[in-house]
Amino acid sequence: MNKRAQEIASGLPPDLDALPRLGGFRLRGIEMTRLETFIDAAFAFAITMLVIAAQQIPDDVKTLLAAFKNVPAFVASIVVLGIFWRGHWLWSRRYGLEDGVSIFISWAMIVTILIYIYPLKAIFSSMWFLLSGGRVGHTLGPHSESEIRALFAIFAVGFSAIALEMVLLNLRAWQLRDPLRLDARERAITFHEITGWSIPVGVGIVSLVLALSLAREHIEWSGWIYFSMAILVPRVAARRMACGRAQHDSCGRHLCFRLVRCGQRFQLLVRRVNRAGRDRRRVDSARAARDAIQEGPRDIGRQRCTWRVCVALARRHCRSAVLDRADSPP
């Protein structure tokens, strides 16, 4: 472990389990840092550049109605910026990193956001103008084919760059997983964050290729391709939730039952294992058979369980076993 990693590890509290959690992730950056404050200020400044009346406050009805035509583009732009803002906020809360690499990536994200805001509003304004038949949004005015390609290409580069910076931030946290003392579940969440943010990167690259290669009459597909994330991102999120539930289940302790034949008799082996597979309790068939006669609460490894086990030991009396467990006391 290098010096910087030791400094990061020394800044963490001794008992990480005492930290507040969000989605099962221990929040190491619950206190707001100067880096996060500056990022929030940059996003706030970017939003002010998206105001529906960019020139001046409307002073007559006609100007007011014209300004409201920009509301759909304004809302859509805010949604996109909000997604990236939440990604950085969640990263800051989970890891609390403020090392040189993280600061550099965050500053690059600020620069990209402030440049990306211009093509973002232009693209959404044109999209709403096309979808509404000119009722909302506005057209880009007279333009050539090369200008349209350049606009979609700049939008794709900016979109991919911001998503790539989120990938790099989570990748930095993955590199520091040992100093941050991430457990198995937190490592899985971090890995899925990296793969999840890779989807916008890939979609942006595909859009860039389409903007530079499609014919003029089909170039709008370089913009519609972004809506594929409405399908891809939920699928990845559902897979991540399934993996998280599986990881959560594997962290618990389980009871394993095995019915084996020994000559003319059967033995019921009962053992308690944790996620590492270590035995917690093993009971042979005779003890299990004696315990099956009685029914009531039993304390096993600091956890009260209710049991009802019905097993016929002799082969000629072999019947189906009924195994019930209630985690709460009766």
C-alpha atoms as a PDB file:
ATOM      1  CA  MET A   1       0.000   0.000   0.000  1.00  0.00           C
ATOM      2  CA  ASN A   2       1.528   3.307  -1.081  1.00  0.00           C
ATOM      3  CA  LYS A   3       1.616   6.498   0.936  1.00  0.00           C
ATOM      4  CA  ARG A   4      -1.522   7.981  -0.587  1.00  0.00           C
ATOM      5  CA  ALA A   5      -3.477   4.783   0.013  1.00  0.00           C
ATOM      6  CA  GLN A   6      -2.325   4.795   3.632  1.00  0.00           C
ATOM      7  CA  GLU A   7      -3.535   8.365   4.027  1.00  0.00           C
ATOM      8  CA  ILE A   8      -6.945   7.412   2.617  1.00  0.00           C
ATOM      9  CA  ALA A   9      -7.171   4.410   4.927  1.00  0.00           C
ATOM     10  CA  SER A  10      -6.162   6.479   7.952  1.00  0.00           C
ATOM     11  CA  GLY A  11      -8.945   8.984   7.244  1.00  0.00           C
ATOM     12  CA  LEU A  12     -11.649   6.368   7.651  1.00  0.00           C
ATOM     13  CA  PRO A  13     -13.284   5.703  11.028  1.00  0.00           C
ATOM     14  CA  PRO A  14     -12.250   2.481  12.774  1.00  0.00           C
ATOM     15  CA  ASP A  15     -15.793   1.121  12.795  1.00  0.00           C
ATOM     16  CA  LEU A  16     -17.192   1.444   9.269  1.00  0.00           C
ATOM     17  CA  ASP A  17     -20.356  -0.399  10.243  1.00  0.00           C
ATOM     18  CA  ALA A  18     -21.350   2.596  12.361  1.00  0.00           C
ATOM     19  CA  LEU A  19     -21.568   4.790   9.255  1.00  0.00           C
ATOM     20  CA  PRO A  20     -24.979   5.558   7.703  1.00  0.00           C
ATOM     21  CA  ARG A  21     -25.927   3.411   4.751  1.00  0.00           C
ATOM     22  CA  LEU A  22     -27.610   4.074   1.434  1.00  0.00           C
ATOM     23  CA  GLY A  23     -28.764   1.006  -0.442  1.00  0.00           C
ATOM     24  CA  GLY A  24     -26.535  -1.158   1.747  1.00  0.00           C
ATOM     25  CA  PHE A  25     -23.458   0.952   0.946  1.00  0.00           C
ATOM     26  CA  ARG A  26     -21.623   2.537   3.876  1.00  0.00           C
ATOM     27  CA  LEU A  27     -21.308   6.266   3.217  1.00  0.00           C
ATOM     28  CA  ARG A  28     -17.683   7.252   3.782  1.00  0.00           C
ATOM     29  CA  GLY A  29     -18.223  10.780   2.446  1.00  0.00           C
ATOM     30  CA  ILE A  30     -21.245  11.845   4.435  1.00  0.00           C
ATOM     31  CA  GLU A  31     -19.638  15.252   5.099  1.00  0.00           C
ATOM     32  CA  MET A  32     -19.645  17.588   2.118  1.00  0.00           C
ATOM     33  CA  THR A  33     -16.149  18.312   0.771  1.00  0.00           C
ATOM     34  CA  ARG A  34     -14.895  21.438  -1.001  1.00  0.00           C
ATOM     35  CA  LEU A  35     -14.669  19.449  -4.234  1.00  0.00           C
ATOM     36  CA  GLU A  36     -18.315  18.443  -4.046  1.00  0.00           C
ATOM     37  CA  THR A  37     -19.293  22.022  -3.210  1.00  0.00           C
ATOM     38  CA  PHE A  38     -17.503  23.304  -6.286  1.00  0.00           C
ATOM     39  CA  ILE A  39     -19.092  20.630  -8.463  1.00  0.00           C
ATOM     40  CA  ASP A  40     -22.545  21.635  -7.205  1.00  0.00           C
ATOM     41  CA  ALA A  41     -21.778  25.270  -7.969  1.00  0.00           C
ATOM     42  CA  ALA A  42     -20.701  24.361 -11.510  1.00  0.00           C
ATOM     43  CA  PHE A  43     -23.912  22.412 -12.116  1.00  0.00           C
ATOM     44  CA  ALA A  44     -25.951  25.303 -10.722  1.00  0.00           C
ATOM     45  CA  PHE A  45     -24.179  27.714 -13.054  1.00  0.00           C
ATOM     46  CA  ALA A  46     -24.842  25.398 -16.006  1.00  0.00           C
ATOM     47  CA  ILE A  47     -28.545  25.355 -15.127  1.00  0.00           C
ATOM     48  CA  THR A  48     -28.696  29.149 -15.040  1.00  0.00           C
ATOM     49  CA  MET A  49     -27.379  29.124 -18.597  1.00  0.00           C
ATOM     50  CA  LEU A  50     -30.466  27.124 -19.611  1.00  0.00           C
ATOM     51  CA  VAL A  51     -33.054  29.678 -18.512  1.00  0.00           C
ATOM     52  CA  ILE A  52     -36.074  29.765 -20.799  1.00  0.00           C
ATOM     53  CA  ALA A  53     -35.661  33.499 -21.477  1.00  0.00           C
ATOM     54  CA  ALA A  54     -31.958  33.785 -22.124  1.00  0.00           C
ATOM     55  CA  GLN A  55     -31.885  37.394 -23.291  1.00  0.00           C
ATOM     56  CA  GLN A  56     -34.138  39.275 -20.864  1.00  0.00           C
ATOM     57  CA  ILE A  57     -37.199  38.952 -18.689  1.00  0.00           C
ATOM     58  CA  PRO A  58     -40.362  38.932 -20.875  1.00  0.00           C
ATOM     59  CA  ASP A  59     -42.205  42.252 -20.623  1.00  0.00           C
ATOM     60  CA  ASP A  60     -45.198  41.496 -22.879  1.00  0.00           C
ATOM     61  CA  VAL A  61     -47.486  38.558 -23.593  1.00  0.00           C
ATOM     62  CA  LYS A  62     -45.996  37.740 -26.959  1.00  0.00           C
ATOM     63  CA  THR A  63     -42.475  37.539 -25.578  1.00  0.00           C
ATOM     64  CA  LEU A  64     -43.699  35.523 -22.608  1.00  0.00           C
ATOM     65  CA  LEU A  65     -45.432  32.958 -24.809  1.00  0.00           C
ATOM     66  CA  ALA A  66     -42.365  32.749 -27.010  1.00  0.00           C
ATOM     67  CA  ALA A  67     -40.236  32.120 -23.937  1.00  0.00           C
ATOM     68  CA  PHE A  68     -42.517  29.292 -22.805  1.00  0.00           C
ATOM     69  CA  LYS A  69     -41.857  27.503 -26.059  1.00  0.00           C
ATOM     70  CA  ASN A  70     -38.422  26.696 -24.629  1.00  0.00           C
ATOM     71  CA  VAL A  71     -39.789  25.007 -21.495  1.00  0.00           C
ATOM     72  CA  PRO A  72     -39.703  21.388 -22.840  1.00  0.00           C
ATOM     73  CA  ALA A  73     -36.095  21.762 -23.958  1.00  0.00           C
ATOM     74  CA  PHE A  74     -35.235  23.332 -20.600  1.00  0.00           C
ATOM     75  CA  VAL A  75     -36.805  20.476 -18.634  1.00  0.00           C
ATOM     76  CA  ALA A  76     -35.153  17.792 -20.783  1.00  0.00           C
ATOM     77  CA  SER A  77     -31.762  19.455 -20.372  1.00  0.00           C
ATOM     78  CA  ILE A  78     -32.246  19.655 -16.607  1.00  0.00           C
ATOM     79  CA  VAL A  79     -33.047  15.935 -16.505  1.00  0.00           C
ATOM     80  CA  VAL A  80     -29.811  15.058 -18.318  1.00  0.00           C
ATOM     81  CA  LEU A  81     -27.743  17.318 -16.067  1.00  0.00           C
ATOM     82  CA  GLY A  82     -29.518  15.891 -13.018  1.00  0.00           C
ATOM     83  CA  ILE A  83     -28.537  12.350 -13.971  1.00  0.00           C
ATOM     84  CA  PHE A  84     -24.869  13.278 -14.133  1.00  0.00           C
ATOM     85  CA  TRP A  85     -25.095  15.373 -10.973  1.00  0.00           C
ATOM     86  CA  ARG A  86     -26.632  12.510  -9.022  1.00  0.00           C
ATOM     87  CA  GLY A  87     -23.955  10.160 -10.300  1.00  0.00           C
ATOM     88  CA  HIS A  88     -21.226  12.424  -8.951  1.00  0.00           C
ATOM     89  CA  TRP A  89     -23.140  13.049  -5.709  1.00  0.00           C
ATOM     90  CA  LEU A  90     -23.566   9.320  -5.125  1.00  0.00           C
ATOM     91  CA  TRP A  91     -19.879   8.730  -5.832  1.00  0.00           C
ATOM     92  CA  SER A  92     -18.915  11.455  -3.340  1.00  0.00           C
ATOM     93  CA  ARG A  93     -21.183  10.064  -0.636  1.00  0.00           C
ATOM     94  CA  ARG A  94     -20.052   6.484  -1.055  1.00  0.00           C
ATOM     95  CA  TYR A  95     -16.289   6.968  -1.145  1.00  0.00           C
ATOM     96  CA  GLY A  96     -15.514  10.484   0.086  1.00  0.00           C
ATOM     97  CA  LEU A  97     -12.400  10.639  -2.106  1.00  0.00           C
ATOM     98  CA  GLU A  98     -10.540  13.891  -2.564  1.00  0.00           C
ATOM     99  CA  ASP A  99      -7.174  12.736  -3.859  1.00  0.00           C
ATOM    100  CA  GLY A 100      -5.309  14.256  -6.803  1.00  0.00           C
ATOM    101  CA  VAL A 101      -6.688  11.878  -9.419  1.00  0.00           C
ATOM    102  CA  SER A 102     -10.289  12.347  -8.287  1.00  0.00           C
ATOM    103  CA  ILE A 103      -9.890  16.131  -8.240  1.00  0.00           C
ATOM    104  CA  PHE A 104      -8.442  16.139 -11.755  1.00  0.00           C
ATOM    105  CA  ILE A 105     -11.281  14.000 -13.139  1.00  0.00           C
ATOM    106  CA  SER A 106     -13.884  16.164 -11.379  1.00  0.00           C
ATOM    107  CA  TRP A 107     -12.365  19.352 -12.822  1.00  0.00           C
ATOM    108  CA  ALA A 108     -12.415  17.787 -16.276  1.00  0.00           C
ATOM    109  CA  MET A 109     -16.082  17.012 -15.694  1.00  0.00           C
ATOM    110  CA  ILE A 110     -16.775  20.659 -14.814  1.00  0.00           C
ATOM    111  CA  VAL A 111     -15.129  21.881 -18.009  1.00  0.00           C
ATOM    112  CA  THR A 112     -17.018  19.343 -20.111  1.00  0.00           C
ATOM    113  CA  ILE A 113     -20.364  20.236 -18.535  1.00  0.00           C
ATOM    114  CA  LEU A 114     -19.946  23.957 -19.176  1.00  0.00           C
ATOM    115  CA  ILE A 115     -19.061  23.319 -22.832  1.00  0.00           C
ATOM    116  CA  TYR A 116     -21.648  20.586 -23.350  1.00  0.00           C
ATOM    117  CA  ILE A 117     -24.521  22.774 -22.179  1.00  0.00           C
ATOM    118  CA  TYR A 118     -24.729  24.651 -25.504  1.00  0.00           C
ATOM    119  CA  PRO A 119     -25.217  21.678 -27.874  1.00  0.00           C
ATOM    120  CA  LEU A 120     -27.419  20.060 -25.227  1.00  0.00           C
ATOM    121  CA  LYS A 121     -30.019  22.821 -25.370  1.00  0.00           C
ATOM    122  CA  ALA A 122     -29.745  23.134 -29.159  1.00  0.00           C
ATOM    123  CA  ILE A 123     -30.367  19.415 -29.702  1.00  0.00           C
ATOM    124  CA  PHE A 124     -33.361  19.277 -27.366  1.00  0.00           C
ATOM    125  CA  SER A 125     -34.877  22.452 -28.822  1.00  0.00           C
ATOM    126  CA  SER A 126     -34.664  21.007 -32.321  1.00  0.00           C
ATOM    127  CA  MET A 127     -36.072  17.673 -31.141  1.00  0.00           C
ATOM    128  CA  TRP A 128     -39.146  19.276 -29.554  1.00  0.00           C
ATOM    129  CA  PHE A 129     -39.607  21.513 -32.586  1.00  0.00           C
ATOM    130  CA  LEU A 130     -39.684  18.398 -34.786  1.00  0.00           C
ATOM    131  CA  LEU A 131     -41.981  16.380 -32.498  1.00  0.00           C
ATOM    132  CA  SER A 132     -44.482  19.213 -31.927  1.00  0.00           C
ATOM    133  CA  GLY A 133     -44.608  20.434 -35.489  1.00  0.00           C
ATOM    134  CA  GLY A 134     -43.123  23.801 -34.538  1.00  0.00           C
ATOM    135  CA  ARG A 135     -45.396  24.535 -31.557  1.00  0.00           C
ATOM    136  CA  VAL A 136     -42.579  24.307 -28.977  1.00  0.00           C
ATOM    137  CA  GLY A 137     -38.821  24.502 -29.224  1.00  0.00           C
ATOM    138  CA  HIS A 138     -37.104  26.209 -32.088  1.00  0.00           C
ATOM    139  CA  THR A 139     -35.253  25.295 -35.222  1.00  0.00           C
ATOM    140  CA  LEU A 140     -31.568  25.857 -35.713  1.00  0.00           C
ATOM    141  CA  GLY A 141     -32.163  28.096 -38.718  1.00  0.00           C
ATOM    142  CA  PRO A 142     -30.501  27.671 -42.104  1.00  0.00           C
ATOM    143  CA  HIS A 143     -27.783  25.057 -41.938  1.00  0.00           C
ATOM    144  CA  SER A 144     -25.755  22.827 -44.179  1.00  0.00           C
ATOM    145  CA  GLU A 145     -25.174  19.102 -43.952  1.00  0.00           C
ATOM    146  CA  SER A 146     -21.690  19.576 -42.523  1.00  0.00           C
ATOM    147  CA  GLU A 147     -23.045  21.834 -39.771  1.00  0.00           C
ATOM    148  CA  ILE A 148     -25.660  19.264 -38.771  1.00  0.00           C
ATOM    149  CA  ARG A 149     -23.038  16.519 -38.637  1.00  0.00           C
ATOM    150  CA  ALA A 150     -20.766  18.749 -36.571  1.00  0.00           C
ATOM    151  CA  LEU A 151     -23.579  19.512 -34.082  1.00  0.00           C
ATOM    152  CA  PHE A 152     -24.464  15.849 -33.537  1.00  0.00           C
ATOM    153  CA  ALA A 153     -20.766  14.946 -33.337  1.00  0.00           C
ATOM    154  CA  ILE A 154     -20.074  17.612 -30.697  1.00  0.00           C
ATOM    155  CA  PHE A 155     -23.103  16.472 -28.702  1.00  0.00           C
ATOM    156  CA  ALA A 156     -21.943  12.847 -28.869  1.00  0.00           C
ATOM    157  CA  VAL A 157     -18.382  13.731 -27.825  1.00  0.00           C
ATOM    158  CA  GLY A 158     -19.611  15.790 -24.870  1.00  0.00           C
ATOM    159  CA  PHE A 159     -22.099  13.162 -23.739  1.00  0.00           C
ATOM    160  CA  SER A 160     -19.515  10.378 -23.970  1.00  0.00           C
ATOM    161  CA  ALA A 161     -16.889  12.490 -22.203  1.00  0.00           C
ATOM    162  CA  ILE A 162     -19.073  13.184 -19.154  1.00  0.00           C
ATOM    163  CA  ALA A 163     -20.114   9.537 -18.898  1.00  0.00           C
ATOM    164  CA  LEU A 164     -16.476   8.464 -19.300  1.00  0.00           C
ATOM    165  CA  GLU A 165     -15.469  10.770 -16.463  1.00  0.00           C
ATOM    166  CA  MET A 166     -18.054   9.053 -14.253  1.00  0.00           C
ATOM    167  CA  VAL A 167     -16.568   5.713 -15.264  1.00  0.00           C
ATOM    168  CA  LEU A 168     -13.102   6.954 -14.340  1.00  0.00           C
ATOM    169  CA  LEU A 169     -14.281   8.216 -10.951  1.00  0.00           C
ATOM    170  CA  ASN A 170     -15.812   4.860 -10.067  1.00  0.00           C
ATOM    171  CA  LEU A 171     -12.770   3.107 -11.493  1.00  0.00           C
ATOM    172  CA  ARG A 172     -10.612   5.188  -9.172  1.00  0.00           C
ATOM    173  CA  ALA A 173     -12.724   4.029  -6.247  1.00  0.00           C
ATOM    174  CA  TRP A 174     -12.311   0.443  -7.466  1.00  0.00           C
ATOM    175  CA  GLN A 175      -8.536   0.866  -7.514  1.00  0.00           C
ATOM    176  CA  LEU A 176      -8.679   2.078  -3.903  1.00  0.00           C
ATOM    177  CA  ARG A 177     -11.040  -0.662  -2.742  1.00  0.00           C
ATOM    178  CA  ASP A 178      -8.512  -2.026  -0.236  1.00  0.00           C
ATOM    179  CA  PRO A 179      -7.694   1.318   1.462  1.00  0.00           C
ATOM    180  CA  LEU A 180     -11.428   2.134   1.483  1.00  0.00           C
ATOM    181  CA  ARG A 181     -12.102  -1.296   3.051  1.00  0.00           C
ATOM    182  CA  LEU A 182     -14.975  -2.105   0.706  1.00  0.00           C
ATOM    183  CA  ASP A 183     -16.791  -5.297   1.588  1.00  0.00           C
ATOM    184  CA  ALA A 184     -17.993  -7.843  -0.953  1.00  0.00           C
ATOM    185  CA  ARG A 185     -21.320  -6.129  -1.548  1.00  0.00           C
ATOM    186  CA  GLU A 186     -19.770  -2.676  -1.912  1.00  0.00           C
ATOM    187  CA  ARG A 187     -17.232  -4.024  -4.381  1.00  0.00           C
ATOM    188  CA  ALA A 188     -20.029  -5.563  -6.421  1.00  0.00           C
ATOM    189  CA  ILE A 189     -21.939  -2.256  -6.426  1.00  0.00           C
ATOM    190  CA  THR A 190     -18.799  -0.380  -7.474  1.00  0.00           C
ATOM    191  CA  PHE A 191     -18.176  -2.805 -10.323  1.00  0.00           C
ATOM    192  CA  HIS A 192     -21.769  -2.471 -11.521  1.00  0.00           C
ATOM    193  CA  GLU A 193     -21.470   1.321 -11.397  1.00  0.00           C
ATOM    194  CA  ILE A 194     -18.494   1.091 -13.743  1.00  0.00           C
ATOM    195  CA  THR A 195     -20.362  -1.147 -16.164  1.00  0.00           C
ATOM    196  CA  GLY A 196     -23.537   0.936 -15.834  1.00  0.00           C
ATOM    197  CA  TRP A 197     -21.824   4.205 -16.767  1.00  0.00           C
ATOM    198  CA  SER A 198     -20.134   2.439 -19.655  1.00  0.00           C
ATOM    199  CA  ILE A 199     -23.528   2.232 -21.386  1.00  0.00           C
ATOM    200  CA  PRO A 200     -23.787   6.015 -22.022  1.00  0.00           C
ATOM    201  CA  VAL A 201     -20.174   5.970 -23.198  1.00  0.00           C
ATOM    202  CA  GLY A 202     -20.962   3.264 -25.731  1.00  0.00           C
ATOM    203  CA  VAL A 203     -24.183   4.927 -26.868  1.00  0.00           C
ATOM    204  CA  GLY A 204     -22.349   8.232 -27.369  1.00  0.00           C
ATOM    205  CA  ILE A 205     -19.664   6.554 -29.456  1.00  0.00           C
ATOM    206  CA  VAL A 206     -22.314   4.867 -31.599  1.00  0.00           C
ATOM    207  CA  SER A 207     -24.024   8.235 -32.064  1.00  0.00           C
ATOM    208  CA  LEU A 208     -20.740   9.798 -33.120  1.00  0.00           C
ATOM    209  CA  VAL A 209     -20.183   7.090 -35.713  1.00  0.00           C
ATOM    210  CA  LEU A 210     -23.726   7.494 -37.049  1.00  0.00           C
ATOM    211  CA  ALA A 211     -23.367  11.279 -37.231  1.00  0.00           C
ATOM    212  CA  LEU A 212     -20.261  10.964 -39.363  1.00  0.00           C
ATOM    213  CA  SER A 213     -21.371   8.078 -41.572  1.00  0.00           C
ATOM    214  CA  LEU A 214     -25.142   8.219 -42.163  1.00  0.00           C
ATOM    215  CA  ALA A 215     -26.690   9.867 -45.177  1.00  0.00           C
ATOM    216  CA  ARG A 216     -28.285  13.296 -44.776  1.00  0.00           C
ATOM    217  CA  GLU A 217     -31.860  11.985 -44.751  1.00  0.00           C
ATOM    218  CA  HIS A 218     -31.061   9.492 -41.935  1.00  0.00           C
ATOM    219  CA  ILE A 219     -28.727  11.559 -39.806  1.00  0.00           C
ATOM    220  CA  GLU A 220     -31.408  12.134 -37.153  1.00  0.00           C
ATOM    221  CA  TRP A 221     -30.853   8.537 -36.017  1.00  0.00           C
ATOM    222  CA  SER A 222     -27.636   9.711 -34.405  1.00  0.00           C
ATOM    223  CA  GLY A 223     -29.912  11.562 -31.988  1.00  0.00           C
ATOM    224  CA  TRP A 224     -32.668   8.974 -31.576  1.00  0.00           C
ATOM    225  CA  ILE A 225     -30.064   6.371 -30.597  1.00  0.00           C
ATOM    226  CA  TYR A 226     -29.840   7.944 -27.134  1.00  0.00           C
ATOM    227  CA  PHE A 227     -33.330   6.719 -26.310  1.00  0.00           C
ATOM    228  CA  SER A 228     -31.981   3.156 -26.405  1.00  0.00           C
ATOM    229  CA  MET A 229     -30.664   3.836 -22.903  1.00  0.00           C
ATOM    230  CA  ALA A 230     -34.278   3.748 -21.708  1.00  0.00           C
ATOM    231  CA  ILE A 231     -34.094  -0.007 -22.381  1.00  0.00           C
ATOM    232  CA  LEU A 232     -30.433  -0.743 -21.674  1.00  0.00           C
ATOM    233  CA  VAL A 233     -30.064   1.080 -18.347  1.00  0.00           C
ATOM    234  CA  PRO A 234     -33.117  -0.525 -16.634  1.00  0.00           C
ATOM    235  CA  ARG A 235     -31.953  -3.960 -17.759  1.00  0.00           C
ATOM    236  CA  VAL A 236     -28.533  -3.400 -16.249  1.00  0.00           C
ATOM    237  CA  ALA A 237     -30.109  -1.928 -13.107  1.00  0.00           C
ATOM    238  CA  ALA A 238     -32.377  -4.963 -12.729  1.00  0.00           C
ATOM    239  CA  ARG A 239     -29.409  -7.253 -13.114  1.00  0.00           C
ATOM    240  CA  ARG A 240     -27.495  -5.241 -10.529  1.00  0.00           C
ATOM    241  CA  MET A 241     -30.390  -5.473  -8.074  1.00  0.00           C
ATOM    242  CA  ALA A 242     -30.582  -9.229  -8.602  1.00  0.00           C
ATOM    243  CA  CYS A 243     -26.861  -9.554  -7.978  1.00  0.00           C
ATOM    244  CA  GLY A 244     -27.197  -7.358  -4.900  1.00  0.00           C
ATOM    245  CA  ARG A 245     -29.960  -9.536  -3.485  1.00  0.00           C
ATOM    246  CA  ALA A 246     -27.915 -12.635  -4.191  1.00  0.00           C
ATOM    247  CA  GLN A 247     -24.910 -11.064  -2.511  1.00  0.00           C
ATOM    248  CA  HIS A 248     -27.052 -10.082   0.459  1.00  0.00           C
ATOM    249  CA  ASP A 249     -28.411 -13.605   0.766  1.00  0.00           C
ATOM    250  CA  SER A 250     -24.933 -15.071   0.547  1.00  0.00           C
ATOM    251  CA  CYS A 251     -23.808 -12.863   3.425  1.00  0.00           C
ATOM    252  CA  GLY A 252     -26.337 -14.462   5.757  1.00  0.00           C
ATOM    253  CA  ARG A 253     -26.200 -17.758   7.551  1.00  0.00           C
ATOM    254  CA  HIS A 254     -28.077 -20.707   6.177  1.00  0.00           C
ATOM    255  CA  LEU A 255     -29.099 -24.129   7.324  1.00  0.00           C
ATOM    256  CA  CYS A 256     -28.220 -27.058   5.097  1.00  0.00           C
ATOM    257  CA  PHE A 257     -30.093 -30.350   5.301  1.00  0.00           C
ATOM    258  CA  ARG A 258     -28.929 -33.608   3.811  1.00  0.00           C
ATOM    259  CA  LEU A 259     -30.678 -36.948   4.032  1.00  0.00           C
ATOM    260  CA  VAL A 260     -28.261 -39.858   3.545  1.00  0.00           C
ATOM    261  CA  ARG A 261     -28.795 -43.604   3.623  1.00  0.00           C
ATOM    262  CA  CYS A 262     -26.770 -45.775   5.988  1.00  0.00           C
ATOM    263  CA  GLY A 263     -27.663 -49.405   5.469  1.00  0.00           C
ATOM    264  CA  GLN A 264     -31.328 -49.883   6.315  1.00  0.00           C
ATOM    265  CA  ARG A 265     -31.598 -46.532   8.005  1.00  0.00           C
ATOM    266  CA  PHE A 266     -31.474 -42.881   7.036  1.00  0.00           C
ATOM    267  CA  GLN A 267     -29.505 -40.077   8.637  1.00  0.00           C
ATOM    268  CA  LEU A 268     -30.505 -36.422   8.624  1.00  0.00           C
ATOM    269  CA  LEU A 269     -27.460 -34.168   8.669  1.00  0.00           C
ATOM    270  CA  VAL A 270     -28.139 -30.597   9.701  1.00  0.00           C
ATOM    271  CA  ARG A 271     -25.451 -27.944   9.643  1.00  0.00           C
ATOM    272  CA  ARG A 272     -25.327 -24.196   9.808  1.00  0.00           C
ATOM    273  CA  VAL A 273     -22.978 -22.362   7.440  1.00  0.00           C
ATOM    274  CA  ASN A 274     -22.126 -18.738   6.782  1.00  0.00           C
ATOM    275  CA  ARG A 275     -21.030 -17.107   3.519  1.00  0.00           C
ATOM    276  CA  ALA A 276     -17.519 -18.537   3.896  1.00  0.00           C
ATOM    277  CA  GLY A 277     -18.955 -22.028   4.049  1.00  0.00           C
ATOM    278  CA  ARG A 278     -17.797 -22.749   7.611  1.00  0.00           C
ATOM    279  CA  ASP A 279     -19.929 -25.109   9.638  1.00  0.00           C
ATOM    280  CA  ARG A 280     -21.782 -23.568  12.549  1.00  0.00           C
ATOM    281  CA  ARG A 281     -23.656 -26.558  13.790  1.00  0.00           C
ATOM    282  CA  ARG A 282     -23.850 -30.192  12.793  1.00  0.00           C
ATOM    283  CA  VAL A 283     -26.414 -32.591  14.171  1.00  0.00           C
ATOM    284  CA  ASP A 284     -26.518 -36.294  13.409  1.00  0.00           C
ATOM    285  CA  SER A 285     -29.675 -38.220  12.663  1.00  0.00           C
ATOM    286  CA  ALA A 286     -30.223 -39.508  16.146  1.00  0.00           C
ATOM    287  CA  ARG A 287     -30.105 -36.045  17.708  1.00  0.00           C
ATOM    288  CA  ALA A 288     -32.248 -34.648  14.909  1.00  0.00           C
ATOM    289  CA  ALA A 289     -34.780 -37.397  15.438  1.00  0.00           C
ATOM    290  CA  ARG A 290     -34.927 -36.727  19.181  1.00  0.00           C
ATOM    291  CA  ASP A 291     -35.254 -32.987  18.603  1.00  0.00           C
ATOM    292  CA  ALA A 292     -37.981 -33.563  16.036  1.00  0.00           C
ATOM    293  CA  ILE A 293     -40.258 -34.970  18.704  1.00  0.00           C
ATOM    294  CA  GLN A 294     -40.485 -31.636  20.430  1.00  0.00           C
ATOM    295  CA  GLU A 295     -41.588 -28.434  18.820  1.00  0.00           C
ATOM    296  CA  GLY A 296     -40.735 -25.004  20.104  1.00  0.00           C
ATOM    297  CA  PRO A 297     -38.258 -22.152  20.007  1.00  0.00           C
ATOM    298  CA  ARG A 298     -34.573 -23.036  19.965  1.00  0.00           C
ATOM    299  CA  ASP A 299     -31.527 -20.793  20.190  1.00  0.00           C
ATOM    300  CA  ILE A 300     -28.988 -21.548  17.447  1.00  0.00           C
ATOM    301  CA  GLY A 301     -25.998 -19.296  17.160  1.00  0.00           C
ATOM    302  CA  ARG A 302     -27.608 -16.229  18.820  1.00  0.00           C
ATOM    303  CA  GLN A 303     -30.662 -16.496  16.594  1.00  0.00           C
ATOM    304  CA  ARG A 304     -33.987 -17.853  17.779  1.00  0.00           C
ATOM    305  CA  CYS A 305     -35.683 -20.187  15.335  1.00  0.00           C
ATOM    306  CA  THR A 306     -38.833 -22.314  15.460  1.00  0.00           C
ATOM    307  CA  TRP A 307     -38.480 -25.850  14.171  1.00  0.00           C
ATOM    308  CA  ARG A 308     -40.763 -28.665  13.203  1.00  0.00           C
ATOM    309  CA  VAL A 309     -38.978 -31.694  11.748  1.00  0.00           C
ATOM    310  CA  CYS A 310     -40.763 -34.949  10.967  1.00  0.00           C
ATOM    311  CA  VAL A 311     -38.453 -37.697   9.697  1.00  0.00           C
ATOM    312  CA  ALA A 312     -38.955 -41.464   9.664  1.00  0.00           C
ATOM    313  CA  LEU A 313     -35.561 -43.099  10.151  1.00  0.00           C
ATOM    314  CA  ALA A 314     -36.348 -46.637   9.120  1.00  0.00           C
ATOM    315  CA  ARG A 315     -36.469 -47.259   5.383  1.00  0.00           C
ATOM    316  CA  ARG A 316     -39.752 -49.073   5.554  1.00  0.00           C
ATOM    317  CA  HIS A 317     -41.288 -46.050   7.278  1.00  0.00           C
ATOM    318  CA  CYS A 318     -39.655 -43.485   5.057  1.00  0.00           C
ATOM    319  CA  ARG A 319     -41.942 -40.508   4.550  1.00  0.00           C
ATOM    320  CA  SER A 320     -41.587 -37.021   3.231  1.00  0.00           C
ATOM    321  CA  ALA A 321     -39.877 -34.591   5.588  1.00  0.00           C
ATOM    322  CA  VAL A 322     -41.417 -31.285   6.551  1.00  0.00           C
ATOM    323  CA  LEU A 323     -38.926 -28.593   7.509  1.00  0.00           C
ATOM    324  CA  ASP A 324     -40.273 -25.263   8.648  1.00  0.00           C
ATOM    325  CA  ARG A 325     -38.434 -22.266   9.973  1.00  0.00           C
ATOM    326  CA  ALA A 326     -39.668 -18.973  11.364  1.00  0.00           C
ATOM    327  CA  ASP A 327     -37.073 -16.323  11.971  1.00  0.00           C
ATOM    328  CA  SER A 328     -39.192 -14.482  14.475  1.00  0.00           C
ATOM    329  CA  PRO A 329     -39.970 -15.913  17.916  1.00  0.00           C
ATOM    330  CA  PRO A 330     -43.481 -17.317  18.381  1.00  0.00           C
END
